[in-house]
C-alpha atoms as a PDB file:
ATOM      1  CA  UNK A   1      11.196  36.261 -76.867  1.00  0.00           C
ATOM      2  CA  UNK A   2       8.801  33.497 -77.799  1.00  0.00           C
ATOM      3  CA  UNK A   3       5.111  34.437 -77.719  1.00  0.00           C
ATOM      4  CA  UNK A   4       2.455  31.740 -77.270  1.00  0.00           C
ATOM      5  CA  UNK A   5      -1.238  32.439 -77.760  1.00  0.00           C
ATOM      6  CA  UNK A   6      -2.515  28.853 -77.587  1.00  0.00           C
ATOM      7  CA  UNK A   7      -2.303  27.504 -74.046  1.00  0.00           C
ATOM      8  CA  UNK A   8      -3.191  23.973 -75.164  1.00  0.00           C
ATOM      9  CA  UNK A   9      -0.019  23.487 -77.217  1.00  0.00           C
ATOM     10  CA  UNK A  10       2.778  24.907 -75.109  1.00  0.00           C
ATOM     11  CA  UNK A  11       6.273  23.425 -75.320  1.00  0.00           C
ATOM     12  CA  UNK A  12       8.002  21.808 -72.369  1.00  0.00           C
ATOM     13  CA  UNK A  13       9.847  24.620 -70.621  1.00  0.00           C
ATOM     14  CA  UNK A  14      13.258  23.909 -69.119  1.00  0.00           C
ATOM     15  CA  UNK A  15      13.278  24.776 -65.406  1.00  0.00           C
ATOM     16  CA  UNK A  16      10.596  27.373 -66.079  1.00  0.00           C
ATOM     17  CA  UNK A  17      10.420  30.350 -63.724  1.00  0.00           C
ATOM     18  CA  UNK A  18       6.900  31.734 -64.049  1.00  0.00           C
ATOM     19  CA  UNK A  19       5.211  34.939 -63.025  1.00  0.00           C
ATOM     20  CA  UNK A  20       1.626  35.932 -63.677  1.00  0.00           C
ATOM     21  CA  UNK A  21      -0.223  39.205 -64.150  1.00  0.00           C
ATOM     22  CA  UNK A  22      -1.765  41.735 -66.476  1.00  0.00           C
ATOM     23  CA  UNK A  23       1.483  43.775 -66.484  1.00  0.00           C
ATOM     24  CA  UNK A  24      -0.382  46.870 -67.629  1.00  0.00           C
ATOM     25  CA  UNK A  25       2.239  49.547 -68.183  1.00  0.00           C
ATOM     26  CA  UNK A  26       5.201  47.209 -67.489  1.00  0.00           C
ATOM     27  CA  UNK A  27       6.169  49.739 -64.804  1.00  0.00           C
ATOM     28  CA  UNK A  28       9.124  49.725 -62.398  1.00  0.00           C
ATOM     29  CA  UNK A  29       7.382  47.315 -60.037  1.00  0.00           C
ATOM     30  CA  UNK A  30       6.762  44.882 -62.895  1.00  0.00           C
ATOM     31  CA  UNK A  31      10.377  45.305 -63.981  1.00  0.00           C
ATOM     32  CA  UNK A  32      11.602  44.170 -60.550  1.00  0.00           C
ATOM     33  CA  UNK A  33       9.594  40.960 -60.966  1.00  0.00           C
ATOM     34  CA  UNK A  34      10.992  40.488 -64.484  1.00  0.00           C
ATOM     35  CA  UNK A  35      14.557  40.967 -63.211  1.00  0.00           C
ATOM     36  CA  UNK A  36      13.926  38.375 -60.518  1.00  0.00           C
ATOM     37  CA  UNK A  37      12.522  35.682 -62.824  1.00  0.00           C
ATOM     38  CA  UNK A  38      15.356  36.280 -65.303  1.00  0.00           C
ATOM     39  CA  UNK A  39      17.879  36.008 -62.464  1.00  0.00           C
ATOM     40  CA  UNK A  40      16.363  32.782 -61.109  1.00  0.00           C
ATOM     41  CA  UNK A  41      16.150  31.276 -64.593  1.00  0.00           C
ATOM     42  CA  UNK A  42      19.798  32.101 -65.288  1.00  0.00           C
ATOM     43  CA  UNK A  43      20.926  30.601 -61.963  1.00  0.00           C
ATOM     44  CA  UNK A  44      19.204  27.310 -62.776  1.00  0.00           C
ATOM     45  CA  UNK A  45      19.862  27.117 -66.512  1.00  0.00           C
ATOM     46  CA  UNK A  46      16.159  27.663 -67.088  1.00  0.00           C
ATOM     47  CA  UNK A  47      13.716  29.965 -68.876  1.00  0.00           C
ATOM     48  CA  UNK A  48      11.734  32.951 -67.657  1.00  0.00           C
ATOM     49  CA  UNK A  49       8.011  32.847 -68.416  1.00  0.00           C
ATOM     50  CA  UNK A  50       5.310  35.493 -68.094  1.00  0.00           C
ATOM     51  CA  UNK A  51       1.669  34.519 -68.202  1.00  0.00           C
ATOM     52  CA  UNK A  52      -0.687  37.366 -69.026  1.00  0.00           C
ATOM     53  CA  UNK A  53      -4.313  37.529 -70.076  1.00  0.00           C
ATOM     54  CA  UNK A  54      -6.184  39.064 -72.980  1.00  0.00           C
ATOM     55  CA  UNK A  55      -8.598  40.777 -72.905  1.00  0.00           C
ATOM     56  CA  UNK A  56      -7.912  42.441 -69.563  1.00  0.00           C
ATOM     57  CA  UNK A  57      -9.906  40.477 -66.921  1.00  0.00           C
ATOM     58  CA  UNK A  58     -11.858  43.555 -65.771  1.00  0.00           C
ATOM     59  CA  UNK A  59     -13.115  44.153 -69.309  1.00  0.00           C
ATOM     60  CA  UNK A  60     -14.508  40.607 -69.343  1.00  0.00           C
ATOM     61  CA  UNK A  61     -15.877  40.327 -65.818  1.00  0.00           C
ATOM     62  CA  UNK A  62     -17.429  43.830 -65.896  1.00  0.00           C
ATOM     63  CA  UNK A  63     -18.186  44.475 -69.592  1.00  0.00           C
ATOM     64  CA  UNK A  64     -20.434  47.453 -68.821  1.00  0.00           C
ATOM     65  CA  UNK A  65     -17.743  49.208 -66.806  1.00  0.00           C
ATOM     66  CA  UNK A  66     -16.074  51.639 -69.197  1.00  0.00           C
ATOM     67  CA  UNK A  67     -13.955  53.316 -66.510  1.00  0.00           C
ATOM     68  CA  UNK A  68     -10.856  51.154 -67.007  1.00  0.00           C
ATOM     69  CA  UNK A  69      -8.378  52.649 -69.441  1.00  0.00           C
ATOM     70  CA  UNK A  70      -5.288  50.621 -70.248  1.00  0.00           C
ATOM     71  CA  UNK A  71      -1.696  51.819 -70.258  1.00  0.00           C
ATOM     72  CA  UNK A  72      -0.732  49.318 -72.965  1.00  0.00           C
ATOM     73  CA  UNK A  73      -2.321  47.665 -75.925  1.00  0.00           C
ATOM     74  CA  UNK A  74      -1.385  43.991 -76.180  1.00  0.00           C
ATOM     75  CA  UNK A  75       1.192  44.702 -78.890  1.00  0.00           C
ATOM     76  CA  UNK A  76       2.781  47.491 -76.826  1.00  0.00           C
ATOM     77  CA  UNK A  77       2.972  45.142 -73.851  1.00  0.00           C
ATOM     78  CA  UNK A  78       4.642  42.450 -75.956  1.00  0.00           C
ATOM     79  CA  UNK A  79       7.253  44.946 -77.196  1.00  0.00           C
ATOM     80  CA  UNK A  80       8.020  46.140 -73.660  1.00  0.00           C
ATOM     81  CA  UNK A  81       8.306  42.642 -72.206  1.00  0.00           C
ATOM     82  CA  UNK A  82      10.690  41.681 -74.989  1.00  0.00           C
ATOM     83  CA  UNK A  83      12.693  44.864 -74.323  1.00  0.00           C
ATOM     84  CA  UNK A  84      13.077  43.875 -70.666  1.00  0.00           C
ATOM     85  CA  UNK A  85      14.462  40.461 -71.566  1.00  0.00           C
ATOM     86  CA  UNK A  86      11.677  37.940 -70.933  1.00  0.00           C
ATOM     87  CA  UNK A  87      12.313  34.536 -72.558  1.00  0.00           C
ATOM     88  CA  UNK A  88       8.698  33.433 -73.024  1.00  0.00           C
ATOM     89  CA  UNK A  89       5.313  35.159 -72.995  1.00  0.00           C
ATOM     90  CA  UNK A  90       2.059  33.246 -72.788  1.00  0.00           C
ATOM     91  CA  UNK A  91      -1.025  35.264 -73.749  1.00  0.00           C
ATOM     92  CA  UNK A  92      -3.966  33.307 -72.359  1.00  0.00           C
ATOM     93  CA  UNK A  93      -7.505  34.097 -73.561  1.00  0.00           C
ATOM     94  CA  UNK A  94      -9.585  35.369 -70.651  1.00  0.00           C
ATOM     95  CA  UNK A  95     -13.289  34.501 -70.528  1.00  0.00           C
ATOM     96  CA  UNK A  96     -16.154  34.497 -68.049  1.00  0.00           C
ATOM     97  CA  UNK A  97     -15.822  30.704 -67.805  1.00  0.00           C
ATOM     98  CA  UNK A  98     -12.125  30.998 -67.010  1.00  0.00           C
ATOM     99  CA  UNK A  99     -12.860  33.586 -64.307  1.00  0.00           C
ATOM    100  CA  UNK A 100     -15.097  31.054 -62.539  1.00  0.00           C
ATOM    101  CA  UNK A 101     -12.288  28.575 -61.859  1.00  0.00           C
ATOM    102  CA  UNK A 102     -11.659  28.138 -58.161  1.00  0.00           C
ATOM    103  CA  UNK A 103      -8.212  29.102 -56.927  1.00  0.00           C
ATOM    104  CA  UNK A 104      -7.247  25.411 -56.642  1.00  0.00           C
ATOM    105  CA  UNK A 105      -8.591  24.584 -60.120  1.00  0.00           C
ATOM    106  CA  UNK A 106      -6.692  27.536 -61.556  1.00  0.00           C
ATOM    107  CA  UNK A 107      -3.370  26.307 -60.154  1.00  0.00           C
ATOM    108  CA  UNK A 108      -3.864  22.549 -60.618  1.00  0.00           C
ATOM    109  CA  UNK A 109      -5.826  22.347 -63.882  1.00  0.00           C
ATOM    110  CA  UNK A 110      -4.446  25.395 -65.662  1.00  0.00           C
ATOM    111  CA  UNK A 111      -1.021  26.501 -64.431  1.00  0.00           C
ATOM    112  CA  UNK A 112       0.449  23.146 -63.467  1.00  0.00           C
ATOM    113  CA  UNK A 113      -1.146  21.110 -66.236  1.00  0.00           C
ATOM    114  CA  UNK A 114      -0.216  23.480 -69.073  1.00  0.00           C
ATOM    115  CA  UNK A 115       2.986  25.188 -67.952  1.00  0.00           C
ATOM    116  CA  UNK A 116       4.503  22.874 -65.336  1.00  0.00           C
ATOM    117  CA  UNK A 117       6.727  25.573 -63.792  1.00  0.00           C
ATOM    118  CA  UNK A 118       9.743  24.822 -61.664  1.00  0.00           C
ATOM    119  CA  UNK A 119       9.223  28.026 -59.704  1.00  0.00           C
ATOM    120  CA  UNK A 120       6.486  30.665 -59.468  1.00  0.00           C
ATOM    121  CA  UNK A 121       7.273  34.255 -58.524  1.00  0.00           C
ATOM    122  CA  UNK A 122       4.321  36.418 -57.540  1.00  0.00           C
ATOM    123  CA  UNK A 123       4.022  40.108 -56.814  1.00  0.00           C
ATOM    124  CA  UNK A 124       3.033  41.648 -53.534  1.00  0.00           C
ATOM    125  CA  UNK A 125      -0.600  40.879 -52.560  1.00  0.00           C
ATOM    126  CA  UNK A 126      -1.195  38.591 -55.571  1.00  0.00           C
ATOM    127  CA  UNK A 127      -4.649  36.966 -55.616  1.00  0.00           C
ATOM    128  CA  UNK A 128      -6.176  34.498 -58.041  1.00  0.00           C
ATOM    129  CA  UNK A 129      -9.158  32.269 -58.755  1.00  0.00           C
ATOM    130  CA  UNK A 130     -12.879  32.962 -58.553  1.00  0.00           C
ATOM    131  CA  UNK A 131     -13.526  36.021 -56.372  1.00  0.00           C
ATOM    132  CA  UNK A 132      -9.729  36.276 -55.976  1.00  0.00           C
ATOM    133  CA  UNK A 133      -9.949  33.721 -53.167  1.00  0.00           C
ATOM    134  CA  UNK A 134      -6.394  32.425 -53.546  1.00  0.00           C
ATOM    135  CA  UNK A 135      -3.312  34.116 -52.158  1.00  0.00           C
ATOM    136  CA  UNK A 136       0.268  33.441 -51.103  1.00  0.00           C
ATOM    137  CA  UNK A 137      -0.671  30.867 -48.444  1.00  0.00           C
ATOM    138  CA  UNK A 138      -2.619  28.673 -50.894  1.00  0.00           C
ATOM    139  CA  UNK A 139       0.068  29.049 -53.555  1.00  0.00           C
ATOM    140  CA  UNK A 140       2.710  27.824 -51.087  1.00  0.00           C
ATOM    141  CA  UNK A 141       0.488  24.889 -50.093  1.00  0.00           C
ATOM    142  CA  UNK A 142      -0.205  23.871 -53.695  1.00  0.00           C
ATOM    143  CA  UNK A 143       3.417  24.322 -54.655  1.00  0.00           C
ATOM    144  CA  UNK A 144       4.426  21.852 -51.968  1.00  0.00           C
ATOM    145  CA  UNK A 145       1.750  19.394 -53.120  1.00  0.00           C
ATOM    146  CA  UNK A 146       2.538  19.615 -56.831  1.00  0.00           C
ATOM    147  CA  UNK A 147       6.282  20.168 -56.743  1.00  0.00           C
ATOM    148  CA  UNK A 148       7.087  23.796 -57.513  1.00  0.00           C
ATOM    149  CA  UNK A 149       8.597  26.577 -55.401  1.00  0.00           C
ATOM    150  CA  UNK A 150       6.863  29.894 -54.714  1.00  0.00           C
ATOM    151  CA  UNK A 151       8.491  33.248 -54.036  1.00  0.00           C
ATOM    152  CA  UNK A 152       6.764  36.557 -53.271  1.00  0.00           C
ATOM    153  CA  UNK A 153       8.282  39.864 -54.359  1.00  0.00           C
ATOM    154  CA  UNK A 154       7.948  42.598 -51.736  1.00  0.00           C
ATOM    155  CA  UNK A 155       6.083  45.801 -52.497  1.00  0.00           C
ATOM    156  CA  UNK A 156       8.335  47.980 -54.632  1.00  0.00           C
ATOM    157  CA  UNK A 157       8.854  51.620 -53.770  1.00  0.00           C
ATOM    158  CA  UNK A 158      10.000  54.548 -55.893  1.00  0.00           C
ATOM    159  CA  UNK A 159      10.943  57.620 -53.862  1.00  0.00           C
ATOM    160  CA  UNK A 160       8.735  56.339 -51.033  1.00  0.00           C
ATOM    161  CA  UNK A 161       5.763  56.020 -53.410  1.00  0.00           C
ATOM    162  CA  UNK A 162       4.345  52.546 -54.059  1.00  0.00           C
ATOM    163  CA  UNK A 163       4.384  51.756 -57.770  1.00  0.00           C
ATOM    164  CA  UNK A 164       1.147  50.564 -59.341  1.00  0.00           C
ATOM    165  CA  UNK A 165      -0.651  50.775 -62.666  1.00  0.00           C
ATOM    166  CA  UNK A 166      -3.359  52.797 -60.902  1.00  0.00           C
ATOM    167  CA  UNK A 167      -0.849  55.437 -59.783  1.00  0.00           C
ATOM    168  CA  UNK A 168       0.484  55.696 -63.337  1.00  0.00           C
ATOM    169  CA  UNK A 169      -3.069  56.127 -64.670  1.00  0.00           C
ATOM    170  CA  UNK A 170      -3.813  58.802 -62.078  1.00  0.00           C
ATOM    171  CA  UNK A 171      -0.655  60.718 -63.004  1.00  0.00           C
ATOM    172  CA  UNK A 172      -1.502  60.633 -66.715  1.00  0.00           C
ATOM    173  CA  UNK A 173      -5.096  61.679 -66.131  1.00  0.00           C
ATOM    174  CA  UNK A 174      -3.781  64.625 -64.126  1.00  0.00           C
ATOM    175  CA  UNK A 175      -1.393  65.504 -66.954  1.00  0.00           C
ATOM    176  CA  UNK A 176       1.708  64.682 -64.886  1.00  0.00           C
ATOM    177  CA  UNK A 177       3.606  62.845 -67.615  1.00  0.00           C
ATOM    178  CA  UNK A 178       6.942  63.328 -65.850  1.00  0.00           C
ATOM    179  CA  UNK A 179       5.672  61.437 -62.801  1.00  0.00           C
ATOM    180  CA  UNK A 180       4.058  58.740 -64.964  1.00  0.00           C
ATOM    181  CA  UNK A 181       7.288  58.227 -66.903  1.00  0.00           C
ATOM    182  CA  UNK A 182       9.210  58.089 -63.624  1.00  0.00           C
ATOM    183  CA  UNK A 183       6.951  55.301 -62.337  1.00  0.00           C
ATOM    184  CA  UNK A 184       7.009  53.473 -65.668  1.00  0.00           C
ATOM    185  CA  UNK A 185      10.756  53.621 -66.170  1.00  0.00           C
ATOM    186  CA  UNK A 186      10.119  54.521 -69.809  1.00  0.00           C
ATOM    187  CA  UNK A 187       8.128  57.128 -71.737  1.00  0.00           C
ATOM    188  CA  UNK A 188       4.381  56.635 -71.999  1.00  0.00           C
ATOM    189  CA  UNK A 189       3.296  56.118 -75.581  1.00  0.00           C
ATOM    190  CA  UNK A 190       0.226  56.313 -77.783  1.00  0.00           C
ATOM    191  CA  UNK A 191      -0.245  54.294 -80.959  1.00  0.00           C
ATOM    192  CA  UNK A 192      -2.559  55.368 -83.743  1.00  0.00           C
ATOM    193  CA  UNK A 193      -3.175  56.081 -87.387  1.00  0.00           C
ATOM    194  CA  UNK A 194      -2.760  59.492 -89.015  1.00  0.00           C
ATOM    195  CA  UNK A 195      -6.153  60.611 -90.348  1.00  0.00           C
ATOM    196  CA  UNK A 196      -7.396  63.738 -92.076  1.00  0.00           C
ATOM    197  CA  UNK A 197      -8.226  66.616 -89.745  1.00  0.00           C
ATOM    198  CA  UNK A 198      -9.500  70.198 -90.078  1.00  0.00           C
ATOM    199  CA  UNK A 199      -6.283  71.480 -91.708  1.00  0.00           C
ATOM    200  CA  UNK A 200      -6.349  74.433 -89.298  1.00  0.00           C
ATOM    201  CA  UNK A 201      -2.785  73.820 -88.150  1.00  0.00           C
ATOM    202  CA  UNK A 202      -1.483  74.257 -91.694  1.00  0.00           C
ATOM    203  CA  UNK A 203      -3.201  77.650 -91.923  1.00  0.00           C
ATOM    204  CA  UNK A 204      -1.459  78.689 -88.710  1.00  0.00           C
ATOM    205  CA  UNK A 205       1.945  77.627 -90.011  1.00  0.00           C
ATOM    206  CA  UNK A 206       1.914  74.524 -87.804  1.00  0.00           C
ATOM    207  CA  UNK A 207       0.672  71.566 -89.876  1.00  0.00           C
ATOM    208  CA  UNK A 208      -0.275  68.648 -87.663  1.00  0.00           C
ATOM    209  CA  UNK A 209      -0.733  64.913 -87.938  1.00  0.00           C
ATOM    210  CA  UNK A 210      -4.179  64.089 -86.578  1.00  0.00           C
ATOM    211  CA  UNK A 211      -3.692  60.800 -84.729  1.00  0.00           C
ATOM    212  CA  UNK A 212      -6.592  58.410 -84.192  1.00  0.00           C
ATOM    213  CA  UNK A 213      -5.833  55.855 -81.421  1.00  0.00           C
ATOM    214  CA  UNK A 214      -6.272  52.283 -82.629  1.00  0.00           C
ATOM    215  CA  UNK A 215      -7.563  50.923 -79.313  1.00  0.00           C
ATOM    216  CA  UNK A 216     -10.644  52.468 -77.642  1.00  0.00           C
ATOM    217  CA  UNK A 217      -9.524  51.219 -74.221  1.00  0.00           C
ATOM    218  CA  UNK A 218      -6.163  53.021 -74.347  1.00  0.00           C
ATOM    219  CA  UNK A 219      -5.733  55.772 -71.762  1.00  0.00           C
ATOM    220  CA  UNK A 220      -5.423  59.238 -73.287  1.00  0.00           C
ATOM    221  CA  UNK A 221      -3.637  61.685 -70.940  1.00  0.00           C
ATOM    222  CA  UNK A 222      -5.166  64.962 -69.766  1.00  0.00           C
ATOM    223  CA  UNK A 223      -5.876  67.727 -72.256  1.00  0.00           C
ATOM    224  CA  UNK A 224      -2.951  70.005 -72.913  1.00  0.00           C
ATOM    225  CA  UNK A 225       0.193  70.582 -74.939  1.00  0.00           C
ATOM    226  CA  UNK A 226       3.085  68.125 -74.728  1.00  0.00           C
ATOM    227  CA  UNK A 227       6.662  67.800 -75.928  1.00  0.00           C
ATOM    228  CA  UNK A 228       6.793  64.419 -77.665  1.00  0.00           C
ATOM    229  CA  UNK A 229       8.730  62.195 -80.013  1.00  0.00           C
ATOM    230  CA  UNK A 230       6.874  60.609 -82.919  1.00  0.00           C
ATOM    231  CA  UNK A 231       8.100  57.266 -84.237  1.00  0.00           C
ATOM    232  CA  UNK A 232       7.348  56.971 -87.932  1.00  0.00           C
ATOM    233  CA  UNK A 233       8.621  54.123 -90.093  1.00  0.00           C
ATOM    234  CA  UNK A 234      11.269  53.299 -87.516  1.00  0.00           C
ATOM    235  CA  UNK A 235      12.576  56.855 -87.110  1.00  0.00           C
ATOM    236  CA  UNK A 236      11.987  59.254 -84.208  1.00  0.00           C
ATOM    237  CA  UNK A 237      10.981  62.862 -84.903  1.00  0.00           C
ATOM    238  CA  UNK A 238      10.846  65.614 -82.230  1.00  0.00           C
ATOM    239  CA  UNK A 239       7.399  67.209 -82.075  1.00  0.00           C
ATOM    240  CA  UNK A 240       4.829  68.981 -79.957  1.00  0.00           C
ATOM    241  CA  UNK A 241       1.335  67.623 -79.508  1.00  0.00           C
ATOM    242  CA  UNK A 242      -2.048  68.954 -78.439  1.00  0.00           C
ATOM    243  CA  UNK A 243      -4.682  66.776 -76.794  1.00  0.00           C
ATOM    244  CA  UNK A 244      -8.072  68.467 -76.616  1.00  0.00           C
ATOM    245  CA  UNK A 245     -10.873  70.164 -78.508  1.00  0.00           C
ATOM    246  CA  UNK A 246      -9.133  73.339 -79.736  1.00  0.00           C
ATOM    247  CA  UNK A 247     -11.294  75.821 -77.762  1.00  0.00           C
ATOM    248  CA  UNK A 248     -10.115  78.835 -79.792  1.00  0.00           C
ATOM    249  CA  UNK A 249     -12.146  77.409 -82.696  1.00  0.00           C
ATOM    250  CA  UNK A 250     -15.793  76.622 -82.055  1.00  0.00           C
ATOM    251  CA  UNK A 251     -17.376  73.195 -82.514  1.00  0.00           C
ATOM    252  CA  UNK A 252     -14.179  71.171 -82.729  1.00  0.00           C
ATOM    253  CA  UNK A 253     -14.284  67.512 -81.755  1.00  0.00           C
ATOM    254  CA  UNK A 254     -11.623  66.268 -79.350  1.00  0.00           C
ATOM    255  CA  UNK A 255      -8.435  65.311 -81.152  1.00  0.00           C
ATOM    256  CA  UNK A 256      -4.775  64.354 -80.790  1.00  0.00           C
ATOM    257  CA  UNK A 257      -2.617  66.465 -83.118  1.00  0.00           C
ATOM    258  CA  UNK A 258       1.158  66.402 -83.399  1.00  0.00           C
ATOM    259  CA  UNK A 259       3.345  68.945 -85.195  1.00  0.00           C
ATOM    260  CA  UNK A 260       6.611  67.294 -86.270  1.00  0.00           C
ATOM    261  CA  UNK A 261       9.500  69.737 -86.386  1.00  0.00           C
ATOM    262  CA  UNK A 262      11.343  70.245 -89.677  1.00  0.00           C
ATOM    263  CA  UNK A 263       9.061  67.727 -91.386  1.00  0.00           C
ATOM    264  CA  UNK A 264       7.018  68.079 -94.560  1.00  0.00           C
ATOM    265  CA  UNK A 265       5.551  64.813 -95.827  1.00  0.00           C
ATOM    266  CA  UNK A 266       2.073  63.431 -96.473  1.00  0.00           C
ATOM    267  CA  UNK A 267       1.663  60.630 -93.939  1.00  0.00           C
ATOM    268  CA  UNK A 268      -2.111  60.050 -94.038  1.00  0.00           C
ATOM    269  CA  UNK A 269      -2.916  56.406 -93.289  1.00  0.00           C
ATOM    270  CA  UNK A 270       0.444  55.805 -91.605  1.00  0.00           C
ATOM    271  CA  UNK A 271       0.636  54.209 -88.167  1.00  0.00           C
ATOM    272  CA  UNK A 272       2.752  56.080 -85.634  1.00  0.00           C
ATOM    273  CA  UNK A 273       3.866  55.802 -82.021  1.00  0.00           C
ATOM    274  CA  UNK A 274       3.986  58.959 -79.911  1.00  0.00           C
ATOM    275  CA  UNK A 275       6.280  59.043 -76.851  1.00  0.00           C
ATOM    276  CA  UNK A 276       5.285  61.702 -74.322  1.00  0.00           C
ATOM    277  CA  UNK A 277       8.245  63.498 -72.775  1.00  0.00           C
ATOM    278  CA  UNK A 278       6.761  66.422 -70.813  1.00  0.00           C
ATOM    279  CA  UNK A 279       3.521  68.351 -70.502  1.00  0.00           C
ATOM    280  CA  UNK A 280       4.039  72.016 -71.344  1.00  0.00           C
ATOM    281  CA  UNK A 281       0.736  73.625 -70.395  1.00  0.00           C
ATOM    282  CA  UNK A 282      -3.042  73.413 -70.254  1.00  0.00           C
ATOM    283  CA  UNK A 283      -5.063  73.765 -73.411  1.00  0.00           C
ATOM    284  CA  UNK A 284      -6.061  77.448 -73.623  1.00  0.00           C
ATOM    285  CA  UNK A 285      -8.667  79.516 -75.433  1.00  0.00           C
ATOM    286  CA  UNK A 286      -7.208  82.549 -77.218  1.00  0.00           C
ATOM    287  CA  UNK A 287      -8.892  85.766 -78.376  1.00  0.00           C
ATOM    288  CA  UNK A 288      -7.914  85.281 -81.986  1.00  0.00           C
ATOM    289  CA  UNK A 289      -5.309  83.771 -84.271  1.00  0.00           C
ATOM    290  CA  UNK A 290      -2.312  85.994 -83.484  1.00  0.00           C
ATOM    291  CA  UNK A 291      -2.154  85.245 -79.733  1.00  0.00           C
ATOM    292  CA  UNK A 292      -2.503  81.528 -80.568  1.00  0.00           C
ATOM    293  CA  UNK A 293       0.370  81.651 -83.079  1.00  0.00           C
ATOM    294  CA  UNK A 294       2.544  83.503 -80.556  1.00  0.00           C
ATOM    295  CA  UNK A 295       1.843  80.785 -77.978  1.00  0.00           C
ATOM    296  CA  UNK A 296       2.595  78.026 -80.486  1.00  0.00           C
ATOM    297  CA  UNK A 297       5.966  79.632 -81.180  1.00  0.00           C
ATOM    298  CA  UNK A 298       6.694  79.603 -77.462  1.00  0.00           C
ATOM    299  CA  UNK A 299       5.580  75.963 -77.223  1.00  0.00           C
ATOM    300  CA  UNK A 300       7.868  75.062 -80.115  1.00  0.00           C
ATOM    301  CA  UNK A 301      10.845  76.829 -78.549  1.00  0.00           C
ATOM    302  CA  UNK A 302      10.366  75.052 -75.234  1.00  0.00           C
ATOM    303  CA  UNK A 303       9.778  71.687 -76.911  1.00  0.00           C
ATOM    304  CA  UNK A 304      12.938  72.001 -78.986  1.00  0.00           C
ATOM    305  CA  UNK A 305      14.899  72.854 -75.843  1.00  0.00           C
ATOM    306  CA  UNK A 306      13.566  69.730 -74.115  1.00  0.00           C
ATOM    307  CA  UNK A 307      13.974  67.356 -77.049  1.00  0.00           C
ATOM    308  CA  UNK A 308      17.234  68.324 -78.728  1.00  0.00           C
END
């Protein structure tokens, strides 16, 4: 997959089939759009193209709104789009000035001028331009004027539930990783750096890697204990992970700590990816160390059963 970050110096695409969006999560609905643009490109000897924006438009238009948490960092999104077979990815810088383009200016002066697509595929209820004034009807009109075709993908359903990034976020915030993964079509992941923690896990016989997320806008799932896989230096390790503030011990800051099974190496400063498989339980407060250790043993047993 070719990745372009400078919109002003794009190559000439051959029979380009373009789709546009933030693609946060690259969920099953997004994957249907990707399949369609790849199919259309193959039928016409062309190339599939995704146009996405960075930073996320909401973070630019509403900079004081801290409520939006993203399912993917930009690098995670790039990896997923490559995995699903996209030929070309254009990462366009998003700014306040760009957001003020009218719908017609956006299509004529940005999309057509820079990308010159042969066909544009848009998702259900796609809107664009200042105040999101443009929709399917205007896209069809401008396509006829400028010389490109437009196709709308119908709303995608998974088990009678409409797929959306918002539904994935809601599932994760409720701790329902199984549902989130079902909607995503792949396991939700966290990326971060292993930093020094309180060393309490080592004293309990469960040394942990304290993981500091590298992007403050990344969504952290609900507090609790999870069965996970940790990708370290290209290799996957089965593990269990706690998200929370360790209520059994007073005055602990919130943390993300993973215990890698059958692993004994110093990995401070290493970047890791954590793939969440299943949530095991809520984070609990125990009346001492022994009940906590007993619970951790149970968590390990269940995690091993799920992961091996």
